[in-house]
Every structure is written in structure tokens, then in C-alpha cells.
Protein backbone atom coordinates (compact mmCIF):
# COMPACT_ATOMS: atom_id res chain seq x y z
CA MET A 1 -17.02 -35.37 -22.14
CA HIS A 2 -17.32 -31.63 -21.58
CA LEU A 3 -18.09 -29.13 -24.30
CA SER A 4 -14.92 -27.28 -25.30
CA ASP A 5 -14.54 -23.61 -26.20
CA HIS A 6 -14.26 -24.71 -29.82
CA ASP A 7 -17.63 -26.47 -29.50
CA LEU A 8 -19.35 -23.51 -27.86
CA ARG A 9 -18.16 -21.04 -30.50
CA GLN A 10 -20.12 -23.02 -33.11
CA MET A 11 -23.37 -22.95 -31.12
CA ASP A 12 -25.80 -20.07 -31.40
CA GLU A 13 -29.59 -19.65 -31.47
CA GLY A 14 -29.83 -20.42 -35.19
CA TRP A 15 -27.90 -23.65 -34.76
CA LEU A 16 -30.21 -24.75 -31.93
CA GLU A 17 -33.35 -23.95 -33.95
CA ASN A 18 -32.21 -26.24 -36.80
CA LEU A 19 -31.67 -29.26 -34.54
CA PRO A 20 -34.22 -32.10 -34.57
CA GLU A 21 -36.22 -32.38 -31.35
CA ASP A 22 -34.46 -35.54 -30.10
CA LYS A 23 -31.00 -34.03 -30.74
CA LEU A 24 -32.05 -30.78 -29.09
CA ARG A 25 -32.96 -32.72 -25.95
CA GLN A 26 -29.56 -34.47 -25.94
CA VAL A 27 -27.66 -31.22 -26.44
CA SER A 28 -29.75 -29.50 -23.75
CA ALA A 29 -28.95 -32.27 -21.28
CA ARG A 30 -25.22 -31.93 -21.95
CA ILE A 31 -25.35 -28.14 -21.66
CA LEU A 32 -27.33 -28.44 -18.40
CA GLN A 33 -24.75 -30.84 -16.97
CA ASP A 34 -21.87 -28.54 -17.96
CA LEU A 35 -23.69 -25.53 -16.49
CA LYS A 36 -24.27 -27.25 -13.17
CA GLU A 37 -20.63 -28.30 -12.90
CA ALA A 38 -19.44 -24.81 -13.83
CA ARG A 39 -21.81 -23.23 -11.28
CA ASP A 40 -20.59 -25.64 -8.59
CA ARG A 41 -16.99 -24.63 -9.30
CA LEU A 42 -17.96 -20.96 -9.24
CA ASN A 43 -19.65 -21.38 -5.86
CA GLN A 44 -16.63 -22.98 -4.23
CA THR A 45 -15.32 -21.03 -1.23
CA PRO A 46 -12.80 -21.75 1.54
CA ASP A 47 -15.81 -22.83 3.63
CA ASN A 48 -17.00 -25.60 1.32
CA SER A 49 -13.87 -26.71 -0.56
CA SER A 50 -10.08 -26.97 -0.28
CA ARG A 51 -9.58 -23.47 -1.65
CA PRO A 52 -7.33 -21.33 0.63
CA PRO A 53 -8.76 -18.35 2.60
CA SER A 54 -6.67 -15.98 0.46
CA SER A 55 -8.84 -16.86 -2.54
CA ARG A 56 -11.70 -14.78 -1.17
CA ALA A 57 -12.31 -11.54 -3.05
CA PRO A 58 -11.60 -8.38 -0.99
CA TRP A 59 -15.27 -7.42 -0.92
CA GLU A 60 -16.18 -10.81 0.59
CA LYS A 61 -14.15 -10.15 3.74
CA GLY A 62 -16.39 -7.51 5.33
CA GLN A 63 -17.11 -4.13 3.76
CA ALA A 64 -16.39 -0.85 5.52
CA GLU A 65 -19.24 1.62 5.58
CA GLY A 66 -18.97 4.48 3.10
CA ASP A 67 -16.93 2.68 0.44
CA GLU A 68 -18.04 3.46 -3.07
CA PRO A 69 -18.92 0.45 -5.26
CA ASP A 70 -16.65 -0.23 -8.20
CA THR A 71 -18.58 0.66 -11.34
CA ASP A 72 -15.63 0.30 -13.71
CA GLY A 73 -17.27 -0.43 -17.01
CA GLY A 74 -19.45 2.46 -18.07
CA GLY A 75 -21.91 2.54 -15.18
CA ALA A 76 -23.35 5.69 -13.64
CA GLU A 77 -21.12 7.50 -11.18
CA VAL A 78 -21.92 7.16 -7.50
CA SER A 79 -22.71 10.42 -5.76
CA GLY A 80 -22.97 9.54 -2.06
CA GLU A 81 -19.72 9.04 -0.19
CA THR A 82 -18.10 9.26 3.18
CA GLY A 83 -14.48 8.99 4.21
CA GLN A 84 -11.59 10.26 6.24
CA SER A 85 -10.00 13.60 5.57
CA ALA A 86 -6.32 13.18 6.38
CA ALA A 87 -3.87 11.34 4.13
CA GLY A 88 -2.77 8.74 6.50
CA GLY A 89 -4.21 7.53 9.73
CA GLU A 90 -7.40 8.33 11.48
CA PRO A 91 -9.08 5.66 13.53
CA ALA A 92 -10.45 2.98 11.21
CA GLN A 93 -14.07 2.82 10.13
CA GLY A 94 -16.27 0.30 11.85
CA LYS A 95 -16.59 -0.74 15.46
CA SER A 96 -13.48 -1.07 17.56
CA PRO A 97 -12.82 -4.52 18.98
CA ALA A 98 -13.74 -4.94 22.62
CA GLU A 99 -10.97 -4.20 25.10
CA PRO A 100 -9.34 -7.40 26.36
CA LYS A 101 -9.91 -8.20 30.01
CA LYS A 102 -6.17 -8.62 30.52
CA LYS A 103 -3.04 -7.82 28.60
CA PRO A 104 -1.83 -10.48 26.15
CA GLY A 105 1.18 -12.57 27.04
CA LYS A 106 2.51 -13.72 30.38
CA GLN A 107 1.16 -11.92 33.43
CA PRO A 108 3.27 -10.46 36.26
CA GLY A 109 4.25 -13.24 38.65
CA ALA A 110 3.99 -16.00 36.05
CA LYS A 111 6.97 -18.21 35.35
CA GLY A 112 9.05 -16.66 32.57
CA PHE A 113 7.62 -13.16 32.97
CA GLY A 114 10.28 -10.55 32.23
CA ARG A 115 13.63 -10.81 30.46
CA THR A 116 15.86 -13.70 31.39
CA GLN A 117 18.61 -13.24 28.77
CA LYS A 118 21.58 -11.25 30.05
CA PHE A 119 23.69 -9.15 27.67
CA ALA A 120 27.35 -8.36 28.20
CA VAL A 121 27.64 -4.57 28.50
CA THR A 122 30.08 -3.22 25.88
CA GLY A 123 29.71 0.51 26.59
CA GLU A 124 28.20 3.03 29.00
CA GLN A 125 26.53 6.40 28.56
CA ALA A 126 25.54 8.72 31.41
CA HIS A 127 22.64 11.16 30.94
CA ARG A 128 22.95 14.49 32.75
CA ALA A 129 20.33 17.22 32.88
CA ALA A 130 21.59 20.51 31.40
CA ALA A 131 19.78 22.89 33.77
CA CYS A 132 18.27 22.91 37.26
CA THR A 133 14.56 22.17 37.20
CA ALA A 134 13.98 24.60 40.11
CA CYS A 135 15.92 27.74 39.23
CA SER A 136 16.85 27.00 35.59
CA ASP A 137 20.53 27.66 36.27
CA PRO A 138 22.94 25.67 34.05
CA LEU A 139 24.35 22.65 35.86
CA PRO A 140 28.16 22.43 35.75
CA GLY A 141 29.72 19.28 34.44
CA ASP A 142 31.48 18.58 37.76
CA ALA A 143 28.31 18.96 39.87
CA PRO A 144 27.79 16.07 42.34
CA SER A 145 25.69 13.30 40.78
CA GLN A 146 24.35 9.90 41.64
CA ALA A 147 22.83 7.23 39.42
CA TYR A 148 19.19 6.43 40.17
CA ALA A 149 18.08 4.35 37.16
CA ALA A 150 19.51 2.68 34.06
CA TRP A 151 18.54 0.64 31.02
CA ASP A 152 20.43 -1.49 28.53
CA GLU A 153 20.15 -0.85 24.80
CA ILE A 154 21.20 -3.46 22.26
CA ASP A 155 22.03 -2.17 18.80
CA ILE A 156 23.90 -3.01 15.63
CA GLU A 157 27.11 -1.14 14.85
CA VAL A 158 28.35 -0.82 11.28
CA LEU A 159 32.12 -1.33 11.40
CA PRO A 160 34.37 0.97 9.32
CA GLU A 161 36.21 -1.99 7.84
CA GLY A 162 32.90 -3.64 6.93
CA GLY A 163 30.58 -5.97 8.74
CA LEU A 164 28.26 -5.63 11.71
CA ARG A 165 28.75 -5.94 15.47
CA LEU A 166 26.13 -6.24 18.21
CA ASN A 167 26.69 -3.85 21.13
CA CYS A 168 24.99 -3.45 24.47
CA THR A 169 25.14 0.08 25.91
CA ARG A 170 24.12 0.79 29.51
CA HIS A 171 22.38 4.16 29.77
CA THR A 172 22.46 5.69 33.24
CA LEU A 173 20.17 8.45 34.51
CA LEU A 174 21.66 10.77 37.12
CA ASP A 175 20.44 12.85 40.05
CA ILE A 176 22.48 16.09 39.95
CA THR A 177 22.81 18.59 42.81
CA GLY A 178 23.90 22.07 41.75
CA GLY A 179 22.88 25.59 40.89
CA CYS A 180 22.35 28.49 43.26
CA CYS A 181 19.40 26.83 45.01
CA GLY A 182 21.09 23.51 45.81
CA HIS A 183 18.15 21.62 44.28
CA THR A 184 18.69 18.03 43.15
CA THR A 185 17.61 17.66 39.53
CA ARG A 186 16.59 14.26 38.26
CA THR A 187 17.54 13.51 34.66
CA LEU A 188 14.58 12.10 32.78
CA PRO A 189 14.57 10.17 29.50
CA CYS A 190 12.92 11.88 26.56
CA ARG A 191 9.37 10.62 25.96
CA ALA A 192 6.85 11.71 23.34
CA GLY A 193 3.47 12.76 24.67
CA ALA A 194 0.26 10.83 24.24
CA ASP A 195 -1.33 10.93 20.80
CA ALA A 196 -4.88 9.83 19.98
CA LEU A 197 -3.72 8.46 16.63
CA TRP A 198 -1.07 6.33 18.34
CA ASP A 199 -2.97 4.53 21.07
CA ARG A 200 -0.54 2.51 23.23
CA VAL A 201 2.42 3.26 20.94
CA GLY A 202 5.19 4.86 22.96
CA LEU A 203 8.13 6.83 21.55
CA SER A 204 11.04 7.14 23.97
CA GLU A 205 14.80 6.89 24.21
CA TRP A 206 14.34 4.33 27.03
CA ARG A 207 14.27 1.31 24.75
CA LEU A 208 15.88 -2.10 24.72
CA VAL A 209 16.11 -2.08 20.91
CA GLY A 210 18.48 0.55 19.52
CA PRO A 211 17.76 2.66 16.40
CA ASN A 212 19.82 0.58 13.93
CA LEU A 213 18.29 -2.69 15.15
CA ALA A 214 14.82 -1.12 15.18
CA ALA A 215 15.27 -0.09 11.54
CA VAL A 216 16.36 -3.64 10.66
CA ILE A 217 13.22 -5.05 12.32
CA ALA A 218 11.02 -2.59 10.42
CA MET A 219 12.75 -3.49 7.15
CA LEU A 220 12.35 -7.22 7.78
CA SER A 221 8.65 -6.73 8.42
CA LEU A 222 7.76 -4.22 5.70
CA ARG A 223 10.22 -4.94 2.92
CA MET A 224 10.98 -8.63 3.46
CA ARG A 225 7.43 -9.48 4.59
CA LEU A 226 8.57 -11.57 7.56
CA SER A 227 6.15 -12.28 10.38
CA ARG A 228 7.00 -11.27 13.95
CA ALA A 229 7.80 -14.89 14.74
CA ARG A 230 10.15 -15.20 11.74
CA ILE A 231 11.90 -11.95 12.70
CA ARG A 232 12.37 -13.32 16.22
CA GLU A 233 13.88 -16.52 14.80
CA LEU A 234 16.19 -14.66 12.43
CA LEU A 235 17.55 -12.32 15.12
CA HIS A 236 18.23 -15.29 17.36
CA GLU A 237 20.06 -17.15 14.58
CA LEU A 238 22.16 -14.17 13.41
CA PHE A 239 22.91 -12.30 16.63
CA GLY A 240 22.00 -14.67 19.44
CA ILE A 241 19.42 -12.27 20.88
CA THR A 242 15.92 -13.33 21.90
CA LEU A 243 13.20 -10.68 21.65
CA SER A 244 9.58 -11.30 22.47
CA ILE A 245 6.88 -10.98 19.83
CA GLY A 246 5.49 -8.04 21.80
CA VAL A 247 8.81 -6.14 21.74
CA ILE A 248 9.14 -6.71 18.00
CA ASP A 249 5.59 -5.47 17.39
CA GLN A 250 6.13 -2.41 19.61
CA THR A 251 9.37 -1.64 17.75
CA ILE A 252 7.64 -1.71 14.35
CA ARG A 253 4.81 0.55 15.49
CA GLU A 254 7.24 2.91 17.25
CA ALA A 255 9.20 3.18 14.00
CA GLY A 256 5.94 4.07 12.24
CA ARG A 257 5.19 6.78 14.79
CA ALA A 258 8.73 8.14 14.41
CA CYS A 259 8.08 8.56 10.66
CA ALA A 260 4.72 10.32 11.13
CA PRO A 261 6.08 13.90 10.73
CA LEU A 262 7.47 12.90 7.30
CA GLU A 263 4.00 12.25 5.92
CA GLU A 264 3.27 15.93 5.38
CA GLU A 265 6.43 16.28 3.28
CA LEU A 266 5.53 13.20 1.24
CA VAL A 267 2.00 14.51 0.63
CA GLU A 268 3.31 17.90 -0.48
CA GLU A 269 5.71 16.27 -2.96
CA ILE A 270 2.91 14.16 -4.41
CA GLN A 271 0.68 17.23 -4.76
CA ARG A 272 3.44 19.12 -6.63
CA ALA A 273 4.21 16.24 -9.00
CA ALA A 274 3.60 16.60 -12.74
CA LEU A 275 2.38 13.00 -13.03
CA VAL A 276 0.94 10.73 -10.33
CA HIS A 277 0.08 7.05 -10.75
CA ALA A 278 -2.75 5.87 -8.44
CA ASP A 279 -4.13 2.47 -7.52
CA GLU A 280 -5.81 0.72 -4.59
CA THR A 281 -6.39 -2.77 -3.22
CA GLY A 282 -8.43 -4.28 -0.42
CA TRP A 283 -6.87 -4.21 3.05
CA PRO A 284 -8.55 -5.87 6.07
CA GLU A 285 -8.17 -4.20 9.45
CA ALA A 286 -9.53 -6.14 12.42
CA GLY A 287 -12.16 -7.78 10.23
CA VAL A 288 -13.25 -4.56 8.49
CA LEU A 289 -12.48 -4.17 4.80
CA LEU A 290 -10.53 -0.97 4.17
CA TRP A 291 -8.38 -0.10 1.17
CA LEU A 292 -4.65 0.39 0.77
CA TRP A 293 -4.05 3.28 -1.64
CA VAL A 294 -0.78 4.14 -3.33
CA LEU A 295 0.24 7.32 -5.14
CA VAL A 296 3.51 7.21 -7.09
CA SER A 297 5.34 10.12 -8.69
CA ALA A 298 8.77 10.15 -10.34
CA SER A 299 10.53 10.26 -6.94
CA THR A 300 7.92 9.73 -4.19
CA VAL A 301 5.69 6.89 -3.03
CA LEU A 302 2.79 7.53 -0.65
CA TYR A 303 0.64 4.79 0.91
CA PHE A 304 -2.43 5.29 3.08
CA ILE A 305 -5.19 3.04 4.38
CA GLY A 306 -8.84 4.02 4.59
CA GLY A 307 -12.19 3.94 2.81
CA ARG A 308 -12.50 3.58 -0.94
CA THR A 309 -14.03 7.03 -1.48
CA ARG A 310 -13.42 10.11 -3.57
CA GLU A 311 -12.87 12.26 -0.49
CA ARG A 312 -10.22 9.87 0.79
CA LEU A 313 -8.23 10.31 -2.41
CA ARG A 314 -8.87 14.06 -2.54
CA SER A 315 -7.45 14.46 0.96
CA ALA A 316 -4.13 13.11 -0.32
CA LEU A 317 -4.01 14.82 -3.72
CA GLY A 318 -5.39 18.11 -2.43
CA GLU A 319 -8.01 20.42 -3.88
CA ASP A 320 -5.56 22.16 -6.22
CA PHE A 321 -3.75 19.19 -7.72
CA ALA A 322 -2.63 20.38 -11.17
CA GLY A 323 -0.71 17.33 -12.37
CA VAL A 324 -1.82 14.42 -14.53
CA LEU A 325 -3.45 11.50 -12.73
CA MET A 326 -2.92 8.03 -14.23
CA ALA A 327 -5.39 5.40 -12.99
CA ASP A 328 -7.78 2.65 -14.01
CA GLY A 329 -11.50 3.07 -14.71
CA TYR A 330 -12.75 3.10 -11.10
CA THR A 331 -15.52 5.68 -10.66
CA VAL A 332 -13.73 7.73 -8.01
CA TYR A 333 -10.93 8.75 -10.40
CA ARG A 334 -13.37 10.38 -12.83
CA ALA A 335 -13.57 13.43 -10.56
CA TRP A 336 -10.14 14.46 -11.95
CA LEU A 337 -10.42 15.79 -15.49
CA ASN A 338 -6.66 15.97 -16.12
CA ARG A 339 -6.40 12.21 -16.22
CA LEU A 340 -5.02 9.23 -18.12
CA ARG A 341 -6.37 5.70 -18.44
CA CYS A 342 -4.20 2.61 -18.20
CA TRP A 343 -4.25 0.84 -21.57
CA ALA A 344 -3.16 -2.48 -20.08
CA HIS A 345 -6.60 -2.84 -18.46
CA LEU A 346 -8.37 -2.07 -21.74
CA LEU A 347 -6.20 -4.48 -23.73
CA ARG A 348 -6.92 -7.25 -21.23
CA LYS A 349 -10.67 -6.64 -21.44
CA ALA A 350 -10.60 -6.64 -25.25
CA ARG A 351 -8.55 -9.86 -25.19
CA GLY A 352 -11.14 -11.39 -22.88
CA LEU A 353 -13.87 -10.58 -25.40
CA LYS A 354 -11.79 -12.06 -28.22
CA GLU A 355 -11.54 -15.33 -26.28
CA SER A 356 -15.29 -15.46 -25.63
CA THR A 357 -17.15 -18.65 -26.51
CA ASP A 358 -19.72 -16.45 -28.28
CA GLY A 359 -18.46 -16.19 -31.86
CA ARG A 360 -20.10 -12.81 -32.50
CA VAL A 361 -18.60 -11.29 -29.34
CA ALA A 362 -15.22 -12.83 -30.12
CA GLY A 363 -15.22 -11.15 -33.54
CA VAL A 364 -15.98 -7.69 -32.11
CA GLY A 365 -13.46 -8.15 -29.30
CA GLY A 366 -10.77 -9.23 -31.74
CA GLU A 367 -11.31 -6.15 -33.89
CA MET A 368 -11.16 -3.88 -30.83
CA LEU A 369 -7.96 -5.59 -29.68
CA ASP A 370 -6.31 -5.20 -33.10
CA ILE A 371 -7.12 -1.48 -33.20
CA LEU A 372 -5.84 -0.87 -29.65
CA THR A 373 -2.67 -2.83 -30.36
CA ARG A 374 -1.92 -0.81 -33.51
CA LEU A 375 -2.51 2.47 -31.66
CA ALA A 376 -0.28 1.40 -28.76
CA GLU A 377 2.53 0.41 -31.14
CA ALA A 378 2.18 3.75 -32.93
CA VAL A 379 2.49 5.64 -29.62
CA LEU A 380 5.65 3.75 -28.69
CA SER A 381 7.16 4.28 -32.16
CA ALA A 382 6.36 8.01 -32.06
CA ARG A 383 8.50 8.39 -28.94
CA GLU A 384 11.52 7.05 -30.80
CA SER A 385 10.83 8.74 -34.12
CA PRO A 386 8.16 11.48 -34.13
CA PRO A 387 5.95 11.20 -37.26
CA PRO A 388 5.54 14.14 -39.66
CA VAL A 389 1.85 14.47 -38.78
CA ALA A 390 -0.17 13.80 -35.66
CA LEU A 391 -1.01 10.18 -34.81
CA THR A 392 -4.68 11.11 -34.55
CA GLU A 393 -4.53 11.95 -38.27
CA LEU A 394 -2.38 9.00 -39.30
CA HIS A 395 -4.68 6.56 -37.49
CA GLY A 396 -7.92 8.43 -37.97
CA GLU A 397 -9.58 5.46 -39.66
CA ASP A 398 -8.76 3.14 -36.72
CA ILE A 399 -10.08 5.69 -34.23
CA ARG A 400 -13.32 6.16 -36.18
CA ARG A 401 -13.81 2.41 -36.49
CA LEU A 402 -13.27 1.90 -32.75
CA ARG A 403 -15.81 4.62 -32.01
CA ALA A 404 -18.31 3.04 -34.38
CA LEU A 405 -17.90 -0.35 -32.71
CA CYS A 406 -18.51 1.18 -29.30
CA GLU A 407 -21.60 3.07 -30.48
CA MET A 408 -22.92 -0.06 -32.16
CA HIS A 409 -22.59 -2.21 -29.02
CA ARG A 410 -23.25 0.26 -26.18
CA ASP A 411 -26.64 -1.47 -25.59
CA ASP A 412 -25.51 -4.96 -26.57
CA GLY A 413 -27.11 -7.96 -24.87
CA HIS A 414 -23.69 -9.37 -23.94
CA LYS A 415 -22.76 -7.87 -20.54
CA LYS A 416 -18.98 -7.65 -20.96
CA LEU A 417 -19.16 -6.25 -24.49
CA ARG A 418 -21.76 -3.67 -23.41
CA GLU A 419 -19.63 -2.63 -20.42
CA LEU A 420 -16.41 -2.22 -22.45
CA ALA A 421 -18.22 -0.20 -25.14
CA GLY A 422 -19.73 2.04 -22.44
CA GLU A 423 -16.35 2.41 -20.74
CA PHE A 424 -14.76 3.64 -23.97
CA LEU A 425 -17.58 6.11 -24.66
CA ASN A 426 -17.66 7.48 -21.11
CA ASP A 427 -13.89 8.11 -21.10
CA TRP A 428 -13.24 8.57 -24.84
CA ALA A 429 -11.08 11.71 -24.67
CA VAL A 430 -9.13 10.43 -21.66
CA ILE A 431 -8.46 6.99 -23.14
CA LEU A 432 -7.18 8.34 -26.47
CA ARG A 433 -5.16 11.17 -24.95
CA GLN A 434 -1.87 9.26 -25.35
CA VAL A 435 -2.49 9.04 -29.11
CA ALA A 436 -2.53 12.83 -29.27
CA GLU A 437 0.35 13.13 -26.73
CA PRO A 438 2.68 10.13 -27.25
CA ASN A 439 5.07 11.26 -24.49
CA LEU A 440 2.48 10.32 -21.86
CA PRO A 441 2.68 6.82 -20.34
CA LEU A 442 0.38 4.08 -21.59
CA THR A 443 0.22 1.96 -18.43
CA ASN A 444 -0.14 2.34 -14.68
CA ASN A 445 2.80 0.02 -14.01
CA PRO A 446 4.51 2.18 -11.31
CA ALA A 447 1.44 2.10 -9.06
CA GLU A 448 0.68 -1.57 -9.74
CA SER A 449 4.31 -2.52 -9.06
CA ALA A 450 4.22 -0.54 -5.80
CA LEU A 451 1.09 -2.44 -4.70
CA ARG A 452 2.28 -5.91 -5.70
CA PRO A 453 4.52 -6.57 -2.64
CA MET A 454 1.80 -5.17 -0.37
CA VAL A 455 -0.74 -7.59 -1.84
CA ILE A 456 1.64 -10.47 -1.08
CA ALA A 457 2.11 -9.15 2.47
CA ARG A 458 -1.67 -8.86 2.90
CA ASP A 459 -2.20 -12.45 1.81
CA ILE A 460 0.46 -13.60 4.30
CA SER A 461 -0.60 -11.50 7.30
CA HIS A 462 -4.32 -10.98 6.50
CA GLY A 463 -3.94 -7.25 7.04
CA THR A 464 -3.55 -5.31 10.27
CA ARG A 465 -5.34 -5.51 13.62
CA CYS A 466 -5.79 -1.89 14.68
CA ALA A 467 -5.71 1.69 13.42
CA SER A 468 -2.21 2.39 14.76
CA GLY A 469 -0.91 -0.78 13.08
CA SER A 470 -2.41 0.31 9.75
CA ARG A 471 -0.96 3.79 10.11
CA ALA A 472 2.48 2.47 11.01
CA TYR A 473 2.41 0.08 8.05
CA ALA A 474 1.49 2.81 5.55
CA LEU A 475 4.04 5.30 6.90
CA LEU A 476 6.93 2.83 6.97
CA ALA A 477 6.07 1.56 3.50
CA SER A 478 5.98 5.15 2.19
CA VAL A 479 9.40 6.04 3.64
CA ILE A 480 11.07 2.76 2.62
CA GLU A 481 9.76 2.80 -0.96
CA THR A 482 10.53 6.51 -1.41
CA CYS A 483 14.14 5.89 -0.32
CA ARG A 484 14.40 2.98 -2.74
CA LEU A 485 13.00 5.09 -5.57
CA ARG A 486 15.63 7.74 -4.79
CA LYS A 487 18.48 5.19 -4.70
CA ALA A 488 19.13 5.84 -0.99
CA SER A 489 19.61 3.37 1.86
CA SER A 490 16.22 3.01 3.54
CA TRP A 491 17.84 1.20 6.50
CA HIS A 492 20.31 3.98 7.32
CA TYR A 493 17.73 6.71 6.80
CA LEU A 494 15.10 4.96 8.90
CA ALA A 495 17.62 4.44 11.70
CA GLU A 496 18.44 8.17 11.73
CA VAL A 497 14.73 9.03 11.86
CA ILE A 498 14.15 6.71 14.83
CA ARG A 499 17.24 8.03 16.63
CA ALA A 500 16.14 11.66 16.22
CA ALA A 501 12.49 11.01 17.11
CA ARG A 502 13.40 9.24 20.34
CA VAL A 503 15.21 12.28 21.69
CA GLY A 504 12.75 14.84 20.33
CA ALA A 505 15.14 16.26 17.73
CA LEU A 506 14.30 17.42 14.21
CA LEU A 507 14.02 14.54 11.80
CA PRO A 508 16.54 14.32 8.95
CA ALA A 509 15.21 15.48 5.60
CA LEU A 510 14.18 12.88 3.07
CA PRO A 511 16.96 11.89 0.64
CA LEU A 512 17.20 14.22 -2.35
CA ALA A 513 15.03 13.30 -5.30
CA PRO A 514 16.85 12.68 -8.59
CA ALA A 515 16.30 15.13 -11.42
CA VAL A 516 13.49 14.18 -13.81
CA SER A 517 13.47 15.53 -17.34
CA ASN A 518 9.85 14.84 -18.33
CA ILE A 519 6.71 13.06 -17.19
CA GLY A 520 6.84 10.33 -19.78
């Protein structure tokens, strides 16, 4: 029979000293047995038990160089750091995987290589060059022309009366003879140039998947967290079309590249915000542990993937960020003085102390939890009915008692109690700022809620496989979540972005942000 928490709370050094020698040996044997079993459970991993691979902690999956250790809990701040400078998508840290000897998938000449499904053409569109490539004269609309190439584009049409219809449009490229020089001009499809940040990710109007369908695929992947194989199955069931896994993956990454110019606008809006919620979680990329960051304002969501460093965050917030930063106790955030601490984290840590099997620690933790709970309730009440005097004065005794408890236990022998006391003392003014300014938020819920679906997606997909995949994921997530926050259709907006990017046109502006009255 194992020792229960109730049993352990009654055991301390004084109790052990008063035991007779024979009873002390019996109790020691039971404690040793319990300790061994607890240590065996603690040491279980996916390699030596039935625990799933997703149960590994992020830092156990391969650490990227330059990441700062998490010293949340009163430890000394880390000074050395490295990181990327842009807020969204440099090549990932760590070694690149070796180039494959051949392209994945079926090879030319193999049975089944190439598309076998035939689509019924429902419309045609001819592409004519506007001017002669030799003399630059405008080409008249009735100039002699001849088709030299074509491609089919399948897309979803939204019907005016409601519902969707799948169309197949045949796009034809023309050779046109005209102008004063009689030169034959070949119409070329619009293609974006090569980009080092988008290795092997093309952006062109010559595509099998149309803009509306491409936006649906991106939404199914990012928002609905479907794998490429599940997206393929769903499209076949709903529309009777069969796309390869490669085409689906290319479509998602092309959609990410189409959204790339929007990142600067998103970053600027975050930097101008009065209040920004920040959080981060582990994100594996090709076996290297990076971090998925999120910054959330009242109307904008910005994701980016990179190292867990101060410079990485500073590149997104900017050197002159004047707003309030809400975050947890991770060391990196302490570089911003105009900051708030999430009380939910502190309440959980105090509750953990209260539930300790050490009776002394449980007593201190319970008192800390009671004080924090009273202060939090006072902050919430003050928003509804402002008190006649400041909360810091009304609850001065609670604040002084909490400070005394932290001072008393800053060097305590119990690790968790010592860390929480040090955390309070290191961030005292920041932690109690909401008591002095009740309109400020108490929790970091917006950032944590924005990360929650990404954590689920990470556990399903195990991250991304390359730098361009990580960049596409972060960009698409930023655009989709920003549209949702602004009560706009992310599907329709994303389709318009893809349509404009494929022909080299200016991208549509982000949906208008709703008016916000205050930062609380």
C-alpha cells in the first residue's frame, strides 16, 4: 500500500526522530519503495514505455543553438544570446538536411507519372500580350494570333443564389503578330522571381489549383489542422477531384509566399498597439527545436518561428515599442520595463505549493494563494465599481504580508517555494501593477488561446520540415487569425491575396480593424 498525500503531510524530520529504531527501518523501507516506483514513472519515455511520442517535452526534441534557457522563477537573467533579426522567416538554425539524390514521388517514365484525371472544361480564357516585346508598340485587339500553350485551372465558384460549383477554365497563351515591326510577341504567364527565403516555392498564374480552391486547402491545413492526405481525401469526396500530396503541399506553401508582403503591415500594427500579449511554444523544424512565437493585440495576430531569444522578440516588437507587454515570467520578457505579468501562472504556482506534501510549504502556499485570490477579486470588482480609494491602500495589509512571506522564504530549502518567492521579488512592481491600475488585464489568455490550436497542430504534424514550410505556416496563421479577430472571412480574403499575387498585382489591404475603446 502506497503512502498517500495525507500520510506524507504528517511526516517531517521531528516525526522521524521520535520513531523507535525498528519502526524507523520499516518506514524507511516503505519510503524507499515508493521513491523507486515514483522515479521509475518519472523516467518513463516513449522509448521505454507505452507513452506516446507527443509526451516528450519540447526541450527533449533537439535544441537549436542560441536559445536562451528558461529561468522563470527568480533566477539570474541570461546575457548571451543569438537569433534572427527579421520577424518571420530566415533560414532555420541548425544544419540543413542533405539534398535528396532524387525528387520524391514517382519519377518520369514510371507508371502513373503525371495527371490521369481529365476535367470537363467549363470555360476558356485567352491571354494576350498588351505590347510588342520588340518595339513596345501597343498590340491591337484584332492582331493575328495563334495559341502555343495552355493549362487547365480548377477552382470553386461561389454561386449568387448560394452554394458552390467546381469549374475548370482552360487558359490559352497566344503568339501575337503586330506593331510596326511585324514582330511576333509570345504571351507569357506571370511568374514571381526566385527568392532565397522561398526555396523551391513558385508563385505563378500557371497553376492547376485556382485561388478559391487554394485558399480552401490552406484553410483546411492551417485552421482545420488536416494533414495533406486528409485534405486529398476530403477534396475527392466533396468535389470528385484527385490532387497529389505534392500539389497540395505546393499550394499551401505558395499561399504562404503570396501572403509574405502582408507581414510588414502586421508587424507595424503590432508595434503601434497599446497592449500586446506574447507567448511562445516549442516548434520542431526538421529535427531542430525552434519556437513558435505569437503576439496578439486587440485586432492583430502575428506568428513567427525562430530561436527563443531576446533579439528574436525585439525584431518583431521593434526598438521603440511603447505599448504594454503582457507575458509570463520567462527571462527574455524582462528586457521590457513597460510590462505586465500573467496572474494565472502565479495562482497556479501558489496552488501547487498549497497542495504540497510538505505541511510547512503547504501552509505558506495556501496563504500566498489566499492573498492573490483576494487581490484578483478586488481588481475585477474595481472595474465594475471603482472604490473610493486606491486598491493598494485598501489592501495594503495583504500586499505587505505577501512581501513579508516572499522575503522570509527567498532562501528557503524547498526549491519551488524559493523560486516563487524569488519570482515575486524580482518582478514585484510588475506583478502588482494591476492592483494599482485595475483596467489592465490580469491574464495572458489572448496569447495562450492563439497558441492552443497551434500546439494541437504541432502534436499532430510534429512541426515543419524546412524553413519555407515554417515561414508559410506562420504567415498563413497570422493572416487567418487576424481576419478572424476582425470578424472578416479569412477564406475570401486569402483567395483575393493569392489571385493578386499570382499576377503580380498589389495585394488587397487587410480587413479593417474594429474600433477599440481601451486596452483593458
